[in-house]
Protein backbone atom coordinates (compact mmCIF):
# COMPACT_ATOMS: atom_id res chain seq x y z
CA UNK A 1 122.43 90.25 33.89
CA UNK A 2 120.94 91.16 37.19
CA UNK A 3 120.91 88.87 40.08
CA UNK A 4 117.58 88.16 41.73
CA UNK A 5 117.75 89.57 45.20
CA UNK A 6 115.44 88.26 47.80
CA UNK A 7 114.23 90.37 50.64
CA UNK A 8 116.09 89.89 53.85
CA UNK A 9 114.09 88.33 56.61
CA UNK A 10 114.62 88.52 60.29
CA UNK A 11 116.89 85.83 61.67
CA UNK A 12 115.35 86.09 65.11
CA UNK A 13 113.76 82.83 66.12
CA UNK A 14 110.89 83.00 68.56
CA UNK A 15 110.13 80.15 70.92
CA UNK A 16 106.57 78.85 70.87
CA UNK A 17 104.69 78.27 74.11
CA UNK A 18 104.84 74.51 73.64
CA UNK A 19 108.59 74.59 73.10
CA UNK A 20 109.04 76.85 76.14
CA UNK A 21 107.06 74.36 78.24
CA UNK A 22 109.32 71.59 76.95
CA UNK A 23 112.44 73.58 77.86
CA UNK A 24 111.15 74.32 81.35
CA UNK A 25 110.06 70.73 81.97
CA UNK A 26 113.53 69.47 80.97
CA UNK A 27 115.06 72.13 83.21
CA UNK A 28 112.89 70.99 86.13
CA UNK A 29 114.10 67.43 85.56
CA UNK A 30 117.67 68.65 86.08
CA UNK A 31 119.08 68.55 82.55
CA UNK A 32 121.84 70.99 81.65
CA UNK A 33 121.30 73.83 79.21
CA UNK A 34 123.56 72.14 76.66
CA UNK A 35 121.47 68.98 76.57
CA UNK A 36 118.24 70.98 76.46
CA UNK A 37 119.59 73.02 73.54
CA UNK A 38 120.65 69.90 71.65
CA UNK A 39 117.32 68.13 72.21
CA UNK A 40 115.06 71.09 71.38
CA UNK A 41 117.27 72.65 68.66
CA UNK A 42 117.19 76.04 70.37
CA UNK A 43 120.34 78.09 70.86
CA UNK A 44 122.00 77.54 74.21
CA UNK A 45 122.04 81.26 74.98
CA UNK A 46 118.25 81.42 74.55
CA UNK A 47 117.78 78.34 76.76
CA UNK A 48 119.92 79.93 79.49
CA UNK A 49 117.93 83.16 79.24
CA UNK A 50 114.56 81.41 79.53
CA UNK A 51 115.64 79.14 82.39
CA UNK A 52 117.09 82.11 84.30
CA UNK A 53 113.83 84.02 83.85
CA UNK A 54 111.95 81.02 85.19
CA UNK A 55 114.37 80.55 88.09
CA UNK A 56 114.27 84.22 89.14
CA UNK A 57 110.52 84.60 88.64
CA UNK A 58 110.81 87.22 85.90
CA UNK A 59 107.49 87.88 84.17
CA UNK A 60 106.80 90.30 81.33
CA UNK A 61 103.74 91.84 82.99
CA UNK A 62 104.04 95.27 84.57
CA UNK A 63 101.98 96.27 87.58
CA UNK A 64 100.78 99.79 88.22
CA UNK A 65 103.40 100.27 90.93
CA UNK A 66 106.20 99.26 88.57
CA UNK A 67 104.92 101.66 85.91
CA UNK A 68 104.82 104.46 88.47
CA UNK A 69 108.40 103.67 89.53
CA UNK A 70 109.47 103.92 85.89
CA UNK A 71 107.56 107.21 85.51
CA UNK A 72 109.24 108.70 88.59
CA UNK A 73 112.70 107.61 87.41
CA UNK A 74 112.01 109.13 83.98
CA UNK A 75 111.09 112.40 85.68
CA UNK A 76 114.38 112.22 87.60
CA UNK A 77 116.23 111.91 84.29
CA UNK A 78 117.10 108.21 84.35
CA UNK A 79 116.41 106.78 80.88
CA UNK A 80 118.72 103.74 80.77
CA UNK A 81 117.08 100.31 81.12
CA UNK A 82 120.16 98.89 82.84
CA UNK A 83 119.93 101.56 85.55
CA UNK A 84 116.23 100.84 86.06
CA UNK A 85 117.02 97.12 86.32
CA UNK A 86 118.50 97.78 89.77
CA UNK A 87 115.19 99.26 90.90
CA UNK A 88 113.03 96.54 89.28
CA UNK A 89 114.82 93.23 89.96
CA UNK A 90 111.93 91.07 88.69
CA UNK A 91 112.26 92.44 85.14
CA UNK A 92 114.84 91.90 82.43
CA UNK A 93 116.52 94.95 80.91
CA UNK A 94 114.82 94.35 77.55
CA UNK A 95 111.39 94.28 79.22
CA UNK A 96 112.14 97.62 80.85
CA UNK A 97 113.44 98.99 77.53
CA UNK A 98 110.20 98.02 75.76
CA UNK A 99 108.07 99.54 78.54
CA UNK A 100 110.12 102.75 78.36
CA UNK A 101 109.47 102.91 74.63
CA UNK A 102 105.74 102.40 75.19
CA UNK A 103 105.55 105.12 77.84
CA UNK A 104 107.59 107.61 75.81
CA UNK A 105 105.52 106.90 72.69
CA UNK A 106 102.25 107.55 74.54
CA UNK A 107 103.53 110.50 76.59
CA UNK A 108 106.28 112.48 74.82
CA UNK A 109 106.20 115.21 77.49
CA UNK A 110 107.03 113.11 80.52
CA UNK A 111 107.07 116.04 82.97
CA UNK A 112 103.32 116.60 82.62
CA UNK A 113 102.40 112.92 82.78
CA UNK A 114 100.47 111.96 85.90
CA UNK A 115 99.56 108.76 87.68
CA UNK A 116 96.04 108.89 86.27
CA UNK A 117 97.43 109.03 82.73
CA UNK A 118 99.41 105.83 83.34
CA UNK A 119 96.45 104.18 85.07
CA UNK A 120 93.97 104.94 82.29
CA UNK A 121 96.35 104.02 79.47
CA UNK A 122 98.11 100.88 80.71
CA UNK A 123 95.84 99.64 83.54
CA UNK A 124 92.23 100.50 82.66
CA UNK A 125 90.72 97.46 84.41
CA UNK A 126 92.38 97.94 87.79
CA UNK A 127 90.19 99.51 90.45
CA UNK A 128 91.68 102.03 92.83
CA UNK A 129 90.06 102.11 96.27
CA UNK A 130 90.68 105.85 96.65
CA UNK A 131 88.78 106.70 93.47
CA UNK A 132 85.94 104.21 93.90
CA UNK A 133 82.77 105.57 95.50
CA UNK A 134 81.89 102.42 97.43
CA UNK A 135 83.75 99.29 98.10
CA UNK A 136 85.37 97.08 95.48
CA UNK A 137 82.31 94.83 95.55
CA UNK A 138 80.07 97.72 94.54
CA UNK A 139 82.22 98.47 91.51
CA UNK A 140 82.82 94.90 90.33
CA UNK A 141 79.41 93.39 90.98
CA UNK A 142 77.25 96.48 90.64
CA UNK A 143 75.60 95.86 94.01
CA UNK A 144 74.25 98.42 96.39
CA UNK A 145 75.05 97.16 99.88
CA UNK A 146 72.23 99.17 101.47
CA UNK A 147 69.68 97.35 99.31
CA UNK A 148 71.37 94.04 100.02
CA UNK A 149 71.09 94.41 103.79
CA UNK A 150 67.74 96.22 103.78
CA UNK A 151 65.50 94.65 106.36
CA UNK A 152 68.37 92.89 108.11
CA UNK A 153 66.85 93.65 111.52
CA UNK A 154 63.58 91.95 110.57
CA UNK A 155 65.47 88.79 109.61
CA UNK A 156 66.96 88.36 113.07
CA UNK A 157 65.38 85.79 115.37
CA UNK A 158 63.68 87.57 118.32
CA UNK A 159 64.06 84.49 120.53
CA UNK A 160 67.81 84.29 120.08
CA UNK A 161 68.50 84.72 123.81
CA UNK A 162 66.38 81.66 124.63
CA UNK A 163 67.98 79.49 121.94
CA UNK A 164 69.61 76.36 123.36
CA UNK A 165 72.82 75.50 121.58
CA UNK A 166 73.81 71.83 121.25
CA UNK A 167 77.45 72.81 121.77
């Protein structure tokens, strides 16, 4: 007789956004992590981690500057997330580890990777002022400033010098 074996599932429990909001609201009210864990039925370690991230302002969104710092450190030979944590204090080590994996998956040869590669892959919507032809308004709104201010001189009041101000 063979025993029916079920497939193993992951034991990792993810916190929903609503539950995270509940944890943070209880934390803001001043409750301890033990009471928050008992009320929400989330492990105390996870509650401590989430409240520390909130308290320190840690967000899992990388800016272009942070990606370039990671790229430069990779070129220097530093591949450990814990070592990069000292350079990026607003990120957790696991966030840095995941970003390292993303960068190394996209660019296996890190020595030939440039800033433009990082910008086009991870930050395609950010506008760089050095690469834009006009100002940021030209790029975002599609406006030509010369057409916008065409005839500006004709719009000026010729009797401006004789204008009496009530002030």
